[in-house]
Amino acid sequence: MSIAMTVLALVTGLLAGAFFRLLQVPIPAPPNLAGILGIVGLFLGYQLVDHFDVGVDLLGALGFR
């Protein structure tokens, strides 16, 4: 992922957040730091498992594939 794409994503998020606040509607994200860190933890866990190339084909193990 490039730096430009990361900055664009951040700017888009900031603009969307400002727009939600301007319209006085709740944001579709956790409203506190603990919720945000939970999302970051999910992402990092996913990346960690992907990096070490481990995992289980759950659907295959249950016979759905």
N, C-alpha and C. Protein backbone atom coordinates (compact mmCIF):
# COMPACT_ATOMS: atom_id res chain seq x y z
N MET A 1 0.85 -1.17 0.00
CA MET A 1 0.00 0.00 0.00
C MET A 1 0.89 1.23 0.00
N SER A 2 0.56 2.18 -0.82
CA SER A 2 1.38 3.37 -0.95
C SER A 2 1.01 4.42 0.10
N ILE A 3 1.93 5.32 0.34
CA ILE A 3 1.70 6.42 1.27
C ILE A 3 0.55 7.30 0.77
N ALA A 4 0.51 7.53 -0.54
CA ALA A 4 -0.55 8.38 -1.10
C ALA A 4 -1.93 7.77 -0.84
N MET A 5 -2.04 6.45 -0.99
CA MET A 5 -3.32 5.78 -0.75
C MET A 5 -3.70 5.88 0.73
N THR A 6 -2.72 5.75 1.62
CA THR A 6 -2.97 5.85 3.05
C THR A 6 -3.44 7.25 3.43
N VAL A 7 -2.78 8.26 2.88
CA VAL A 7 -3.17 9.65 3.16
C VAL A 7 -4.56 9.92 2.60
N LEU A 8 -4.84 9.43 1.40
CA LEU A 8 -6.16 9.61 0.80
C LEU A 8 -7.25 8.95 1.66
N ALA A 9 -6.97 7.77 2.20
CA ALA A 9 -7.93 7.09 3.07
C ALA A 9 -8.16 7.90 4.34
N LEU A 10 -7.10 8.46 4.91
CA LEU A 10 -7.23 9.27 6.12
C LEU A 10 -8.05 10.53 5.84
N VAL A 11 -7.75 11.21 4.76
CA VAL A 11 -8.49 12.43 4.41
C VAL A 11 -9.96 12.10 4.14
N THR A 12 -10.22 11.01 3.45
CA THR A 12 -11.60 10.60 3.18
C THR A 12 -12.34 10.33 4.49
N GLY A 13 -11.67 9.64 5.42
CA GLY A 13 -12.28 9.37 6.71
C GLY A 13 -12.56 10.63 7.50
N LEU A 14 -11.60 11.57 7.47
CA LEU A 14 -11.81 12.84 8.17
C LEU A 14 -12.99 13.61 7.59
N LEU A 15 -13.08 13.66 6.27
CA LEU A 15 -14.19 14.35 5.62
C LEU A 15 -15.52 13.67 5.91
N ALA A 16 -15.53 12.36 5.87
CA ALA A 16 -16.78 11.62 6.17
C ALA A 16 -17.20 11.85 7.62
N GLY A 17 -16.22 11.82 8.55
CA GLY A 17 -16.53 12.07 9.96
C GLY A 17 -17.09 13.46 10.17
N ALA A 18 -16.47 14.45 9.51
CA ALA A 18 -16.96 15.82 9.62
C ALA A 18 -18.37 15.95 9.05
N PHE A 19 -18.62 15.26 7.95
CA PHE A 19 -19.95 15.29 7.33
C PHE A 19 -21.00 14.69 8.25
N PHE A 20 -20.68 13.54 8.88
CA PHE A 20 -21.62 12.93 9.83
C PHE A 20 -21.91 13.88 10.98
N ARG A 21 -20.87 14.53 11.51
CA ARG A 21 -21.05 15.46 12.63
C ARG A 21 -21.86 16.66 12.19
N LEU A 22 -21.58 17.16 10.99
CA LEU A 22 -22.32 18.31 10.46
C LEU A 22 -23.81 18.01 10.37
N LEU A 23 -24.14 16.79 9.95
CA LEU A 23 -25.54 16.39 9.84
C LEU A 23 -26.11 15.90 11.17
N GLN A 24 -25.28 15.85 12.20
CA GLN A 24 -25.66 15.43 13.55
C GLN A 24 -26.28 14.03 13.56
N VAL A 25 -25.61 13.11 12.84
CA VAL A 25 -26.00 11.70 12.87
C VAL A 25 -24.83 10.92 13.49
N PRO A 26 -25.13 9.79 14.13
CA PRO A 26 -24.04 9.02 14.75
C PRO A 26 -23.12 8.41 13.68
N ILE A 27 -21.85 8.31 14.03
CA ILE A 27 -20.89 7.72 13.09
C ILE A 27 -21.01 6.20 13.10
N PRO A 28 -20.76 5.56 11.97
CA PRO A 28 -20.83 4.09 11.92
C PRO A 28 -19.52 3.46 12.37
N ALA A 29 -19.05 3.88 13.54
CA ALA A 29 -17.79 3.39 14.10
C ALA A 29 -17.88 3.49 15.61
N PRO A 30 -17.04 2.77 16.32
CA PRO A 30 -17.05 2.89 17.78
C PRO A 30 -16.77 4.33 18.22
N PRO A 31 -17.53 4.83 19.19
CA PRO A 31 -17.39 6.23 19.59
C PRO A 31 -16.27 6.48 20.61
N ASN A 32 -15.50 5.45 20.95
CA ASN A 32 -14.45 5.68 21.94
C ASN A 32 -13.17 4.94 21.55
N LEU A 33 -12.10 5.25 22.27
CA LEU A 33 -10.78 4.69 21.94
C LEU A 33 -10.75 3.17 22.08
N ALA A 34 -11.43 2.63 23.08
CA ALA A 34 -11.43 1.17 23.26
C ALA A 34 -12.02 0.46 22.05
N GLY A 35 -13.07 1.00 21.49
CA GLY A 35 -13.67 0.41 20.29
C GLY A 35 -12.75 0.48 19.09
N ILE A 36 -12.08 1.61 18.94
CA ILE A 36 -11.14 1.78 17.83
C ILE A 36 -9.98 0.79 17.98
N LEU A 37 -9.46 0.64 19.21
CA LEU A 37 -8.36 -0.29 19.42
C LEU A 37 -8.81 -1.74 19.19
N GLY A 38 -10.07 -2.03 19.45
CA GLY A 38 -10.60 -3.36 19.14
C GLY A 38 -10.55 -3.64 17.65
N ILE A 39 -10.91 -2.65 16.85
CA ILE A 39 -10.85 -2.80 15.40
C ILE A 39 -9.41 -2.95 14.93
N VAL A 40 -8.51 -2.16 15.50
CA VAL A 40 -7.09 -2.27 15.15
C VAL A 40 -6.57 -3.65 15.52
N GLY A 41 -6.99 -4.16 16.68
CA GLY A 41 -6.58 -5.50 17.11
C GLY A 41 -7.06 -6.58 16.16
N LEU A 42 -8.30 -6.46 15.68
CA LEU A 42 -8.81 -7.41 14.69
C LEU A 42 -7.96 -7.40 13.43
N PHE A 43 -7.65 -6.21 12.96
CA PHE A 43 -6.84 -6.08 11.76
C PHE A 43 -5.45 -6.68 11.95
N LEU A 44 -4.81 -6.34 13.09
CA LEU A 44 -3.46 -6.84 13.33
C LEU A 44 -3.45 -8.36 13.50
N GLY A 45 -4.46 -8.91 14.15
CA GLY A 45 -4.55 -10.36 14.29
C GLY A 45 -4.69 -11.04 12.93
N TYR A 46 -5.51 -10.49 12.08
CA TYR A 46 -5.70 -11.02 10.73
C TYR A 46 -4.39 -10.98 9.96
N GLN A 47 -3.69 -9.84 10.03
CA GLN A 47 -2.42 -9.70 9.32
C GLN A 47 -1.36 -10.65 9.87
N LEU A 48 -1.35 -10.87 11.17
CA LEU A 48 -0.39 -11.77 11.79
C LEU A 48 -0.58 -13.21 11.31
N VAL A 49 -1.82 -13.67 11.31
CA VAL A 49 -2.10 -15.03 10.84
C VAL A 49 -1.77 -15.15 9.35
N ASP A 50 -2.10 -14.11 8.58
CA ASP A 50 -1.80 -14.12 7.15
C ASP A 50 -0.29 -14.14 6.91
N HIS A 51 0.46 -13.40 7.71
CA HIS A 51 1.91 -13.34 7.56
C HIS A 51 2.56 -14.71 7.79
N PHE A 52 2.09 -15.43 8.79
CA PHE A 52 2.67 -16.73 9.09
C PHE A 52 2.01 -17.86 8.30
N ASP A 53 1.06 -17.51 7.44
CA ASP A 53 0.39 -18.46 6.54
C ASP A 53 -0.16 -19.67 7.29
N VAL A 54 -0.85 -19.41 8.37
CA VAL A 54 -1.52 -20.47 9.11
C VAL A 54 -3.02 -20.21 9.07
N GLY A 55 -3.77 -21.24 9.23
CA GLY A 55 -5.22 -21.08 9.25
C GLY A 55 -5.89 -22.41 9.00
N VAL A 56 -7.19 -22.40 9.16
CA VAL A 56 -7.99 -23.60 8.99
C VAL A 56 -9.12 -23.27 8.03
N ASP A 57 -9.34 -24.13 7.06
CA ASP A 57 -10.47 -23.96 6.15
C ASP A 57 -11.71 -24.48 6.88
N LEU A 58 -12.38 -23.59 7.61
CA LEU A 58 -13.50 -23.99 8.44
C LEU A 58 -14.65 -24.58 7.63
N LEU A 59 -14.97 -23.93 6.52
CA LEU A 59 -16.06 -24.45 5.68
C LEU A 59 -15.72 -25.82 5.12
N GLY A 60 -14.46 -26.03 4.73
CA GLY A 60 -14.03 -27.33 4.25
C GLY A 60 -14.07 -28.37 5.36
N ALA A 61 -13.64 -27.99 6.56
CA ALA A 61 -13.65 -28.93 7.68
C ALA A 61 -15.06 -29.33 8.06
N LEU A 62 -16.02 -28.45 7.85
CA LEU A 62 -17.42 -28.76 8.17
C LEU A 62 -18.14 -29.43 7.02
N GLY A 63 -17.46 -29.61 5.89
CA GLY A 63 -18.02 -30.31 4.73
C GLY A 63 -18.88 -29.45 3.82
N PHE A 64 -18.71 -28.13 3.87
CA PHE A 64 -19.48 -27.25 3.01
C PHE A 64 -18.77 -26.91 1.71
N ARG A 65 -17.58 -27.46 1.49
CA ARG A 65 -16.85 -27.22 0.24
C ARG A 65 -16.53 -28.54 -0.40
